C-alpha atoms as a PDB file:
ATOM      1  CA  UNK A   1       0.846   8.350   2.792  1.00  0.00           C
ATOM      2  CA  UNK A   2       4.036  10.458   3.098  1.00  0.00           C
ATOM      3  CA  UNK A   3       4.615  10.367  -1.025  1.00  0.00           C
ATOM      4  CA  UNK A   4       5.255  12.917  -3.747  1.00  0.00           C
ATOM      5  CA  UNK A   5       2.513  12.896  -5.847  1.00  0.00           C
ATOM      6  CA  UNK A   6       4.160  13.637  -9.572  1.00  0.00           C
ATOM      7  CA  UNK A   7       0.954  15.400 -11.368  1.00  0.00           C
ATOM      8  CA  UNK A   8       1.394  15.690 -15.224  1.00  0.00           C
ATOM      9  CA  UNK A   9       2.806  20.145 -16.162  1.00  0.00           C
ATOM     10  CA  UNK A  10       0.142  20.900 -17.875  1.00  0.00           C
ATOM     11  CA  UNK A  11      -2.718  20.091 -15.652  1.00  0.00           C
ATOM     12  CA  UNK A  12      -0.674  21.934 -12.824  1.00  0.00           C
ATOM     13  CA  UNK A  13       0.101  25.031 -15.302  1.00  0.00           C
ATOM     14  CA  UNK A  14      -3.803  24.775 -15.452  1.00  0.00           C
ATOM     15  CA  UNK A  15      -4.209  25.128 -11.741  1.00  0.00           C
ATOM     16  CA  UNK A  16      -1.426  28.257 -11.784  1.00  0.00           C
ATOM     17  CA  UNK A  17      -3.513  29.831 -15.101  1.00  0.00           C
ATOM     18  CA  UNK A  18      -6.804  29.004 -12.736  1.00  0.00           C
ATOM     19  CA  UNK A  19      -5.319  30.132  -9.142  1.00  0.00           C
ATOM     20  CA  UNK A  20      -3.664  33.808 -11.421  1.00  0.00           C
ATOM     21  CA  UNK A  21      -6.844  34.073 -12.873  1.00  0.00           C
ATOM     22  CA  UNK A  22      -9.343  33.994 -10.066  1.00  0.00           C
ATOM     23  CA  UNK A  23      -7.977  33.167  -6.480  1.00  0.00           C
ATOM     24  CA  UNK A  24      -5.385  36.222  -6.247  1.00  0.00           C
ATOM     25  CA  UNK A  25      -8.361  38.876  -7.436  1.00  0.00           C
ATOM     26  CA  UNK A  26     -10.551  37.447  -4.587  1.00  0.00           C
ATOM     27  CA  UNK A  27      -7.531  38.310  -2.845  1.00  0.00           C
ATOM     28  CA  UNK A  28      -6.817  41.892  -0.870  1.00  0.00           C
ATOM     29  CA  UNK A  29      -5.638  43.575  -3.697  1.00  0.00           C
ATOM     30  CA  UNK A  30      -1.981  45.275  -4.808  1.00  0.00           C
ATOM     31  CA  UNK A  31      -0.982  47.574  -1.995  1.00  0.00           C
ATOM     32  CA  UNK A  32      -1.842  51.134  -2.471  1.00  0.00           C
ATOM     33  CA  UNK A  33       0.904  52.539  -4.799  1.00  0.00           C
ATOM     34  CA  UNK A  34       1.864  49.067  -5.201  1.00  0.00           C
ATOM     35  CA  UNK A  35       3.391  49.527  -9.257  1.00  0.00           C
ATOM     36  CA  UNK A  36       5.739  46.423 -10.006  1.00  0.00           C
ATOM     37  CA  UNK A  37       4.546  44.150 -12.653  1.00  0.00           C
ATOM     38  CA  UNK A  38       5.739  40.287 -12.032  1.00  0.00           C
ATOM     39  CA  UNK A  39       6.278  37.400 -14.314  1.00  0.00           C
ATOM     40  CA  UNK A  40       5.963  33.592 -13.336  1.00  0.00           C
ATOM     41  CA  UNK A  41       7.132  31.116 -16.123  1.00  0.00           C
ATOM     42  CA  UNK A  42       7.345  27.400 -15.536  1.00  0.00           C
ATOM     43  CA  UNK A  43      10.370  26.370 -16.316  1.00  0.00           C
ATOM     44  CA  UNK A  44       9.436  22.654 -17.477  1.00  0.00           C
ATOM     45  CA  UNK A  45       6.278  23.679 -19.457  1.00  0.00           C
ATOM     46  CA  UNK A  46       6.625  26.571 -21.581  1.00  0.00           C
ATOM     47  CA  UNK A  47       4.078  28.312 -19.990  1.00  0.00           C
ATOM     48  CA  UNK A  48       4.156  31.677 -18.244  1.00  0.00           C
ATOM     49  CA  UNK A  49       1.846  34.530 -16.849  1.00  0.00           C
ATOM     50  CA  UNK A  50       2.389  38.469 -16.627  1.00  0.00           C
ATOM     51  CA  UNK A  51       0.552  40.156 -13.202  1.00  0.00           C
ATOM     52  CA  UNK A  52      -0.080  43.671 -13.262  1.00  0.00           C
ATOM     53  CA  UNK A  53      -2.168  46.102 -10.325  1.00  0.00           C
ATOM     54  CA  UNK A  54      -5.501  47.337 -11.932  1.00  0.00           C
ATOM     55  CA  UNK A  55      -7.376  49.485 -10.826  1.00  0.00           C
ATOM     56  CA  UNK A  56      -7.317  47.827  -6.940  1.00  0.00           C
ATOM     57  CA  UNK A  57      -7.049  44.587  -8.370  1.00  0.00           C
ATOM     58  CA  UNK A  58      -4.785  41.922 -10.112  1.00  0.00           C
ATOM     59  CA  UNK A  59      -5.291  41.549 -13.960  1.00  0.00           C
ATOM     60  CA  UNK A  60      -3.340  38.486 -15.405  1.00  0.00           C
ATOM     61  CA  UNK A  61      -1.924  37.816 -18.835  1.00  0.00           C
ATOM     62  CA  UNK A  62      -1.342  34.404 -20.185  1.00  0.00           C
ATOM     63  CA  UNK A  63       2.115  35.484 -21.598  1.00  0.00           C
ATOM     64  CA  UNK A  64       5.858  36.864 -20.800  1.00  0.00           C
ATOM     65  CA  UNK A  65       6.289  40.248 -21.321  1.00  0.00           C
ATOM     66  CA  UNK A  66       9.469  42.382 -20.785  1.00  0.00           C
ATOM     67  CA  UNK A  67       9.727  45.180 -18.245  1.00  0.00           C
ATOM     68  CA  UNK A  68       8.343  42.600 -15.214  1.00  0.00           C
ATOM     69  CA  UNK A  69       9.945  44.544 -12.186  1.00  0.00           C
ATOM     70  CA  UNK A  70      10.009  40.738 -10.923  1.00  0.00           C
ATOM     71  CA  UNK A  71      10.303  37.432 -12.761  1.00  0.00           C
ATOM     72  CA  UNK A  72       9.445  33.936 -10.918  1.00  0.00           C
ATOM     73  CA  UNK A  73      10.787  30.837 -12.098  1.00  0.00           C
ATOM     74  CA  UNK A  74      10.344  26.932 -11.673  1.00  0.00           C
ATOM     75  CA  UNK A  75       8.843  23.851 -12.285  1.00  0.00           C
ATOM     76  CA  UNK A  76       4.603  24.408 -12.353  1.00  0.00           C
ATOM     77  CA  UNK A  77       4.125  22.281  -9.324  1.00  0.00           C
ATOM     78  CA  UNK A  78       6.804  24.486  -7.654  1.00  0.00           C
ATOM     79  CA  UNK A  79       4.876  27.657  -9.114  1.00  0.00           C
ATOM     80  CA  UNK A  80       1.700  26.032  -7.699  1.00  0.00           C
ATOM     81  CA  UNK A  81       3.214  25.048  -4.151  1.00  0.00           C
ATOM     82  CA  UNK A  82       4.603  28.844  -3.582  1.00  0.00           C
ATOM     83  CA  UNK A  83       1.115  30.492  -4.239  1.00  0.00           C
ATOM     84  CA  UNK A  84      -0.706  28.114  -2.423  1.00  0.00           C
ATOM     85  CA  UNK A  85       1.380  28.961   0.556  1.00  0.00           C
ATOM     86  CA  UNK A  86       2.650  25.139   0.815  1.00  0.00           C
ATOM     87  CA  UNK A  87       6.909  26.067  -0.212  1.00  0.00           C
ATOM     88  CA  UNK A  88       8.694  28.967   0.367  1.00  0.00           C
ATOM     89  CA  UNK A  89      10.879  30.682  -2.147  1.00  0.00           C
ATOM     90  CA  UNK A  90      13.683  27.939  -1.928  1.00  0.00           C
ATOM     91  CA  UNK A  91      12.346  25.822  -4.576  1.00  0.00           C
ATOM     92  CA  UNK A  92      12.222  28.611  -7.480  1.00  0.00           C
ATOM     93  CA  UNK A  93      14.637  31.318  -8.826  1.00  0.00           C
ATOM     94  CA  UNK A  94      13.371  35.085  -7.955  1.00  0.00           C
ATOM     95  CA  UNK A  95      14.805  38.201  -9.221  1.00  0.00           C
ATOM     96  CA  UNK A  96      13.121  40.985  -8.195  1.00  0.00           C
ATOM     97  CA  UNK A  97      11.220  42.002  -4.796  1.00  0.00           C
ATOM     98  CA  UNK A  98       7.326  41.547  -5.521  1.00  0.00           C
ATOM     99  CA  UNK A  99       6.820  38.729  -5.111  1.00  0.00           C
ATOM    100  CA  UNK A 100       6.498  39.233  -1.054  1.00  0.00           C
ATOM    101  CA  UNK A 101       3.406  41.215  -2.093  1.00  0.00           C
ATOM    102  CA  UNK A 102       1.535  39.264  -4.523  1.00  0.00           C
ATOM    103  CA  UNK A 103       1.666  36.586  -1.868  1.00  0.00           C
ATOM    104  CA  UNK A 104       0.642  38.895   1.097  1.00  0.00           C
ATOM    105  CA  UNK A 105      -2.388  39.587  -1.544  1.00  0.00           C
ATOM    106  CA  UNK A 106      -3.324  36.157  -2.426  1.00  0.00           C
ATOM    107  CA  UNK A 107      -3.749  35.374   2.055  1.00  0.00           C
ATOM    108  CA  UNK A 108      -0.427  32.645   1.228  1.00  0.00           C
ATOM    109  CA  UNK A 109       2.562  34.495   2.224  1.00  0.00           C
END
């Protein structure tokens, strides 16, 4: 109890992928008129995802795309903790202002 559990980055990156592909789609969807593109990148495993609003839901692509209006970068573990509402943005680097809308739609802000 009270000890941090270190998981392999590839396993945690798979969890990020699963959250973005499945759990995000179950959330409330993007706010009306939301057009931002959010790119999440792992700093420790070389994975990236681009999340875009599409027909009232979110669409996730397993690549980094140019033109993202918001970029979030951190270790796979920190990204997973952020997406699940277990930590704030102090553990990741955020460029842009669309992350709050994404987290709100996912129910984890």
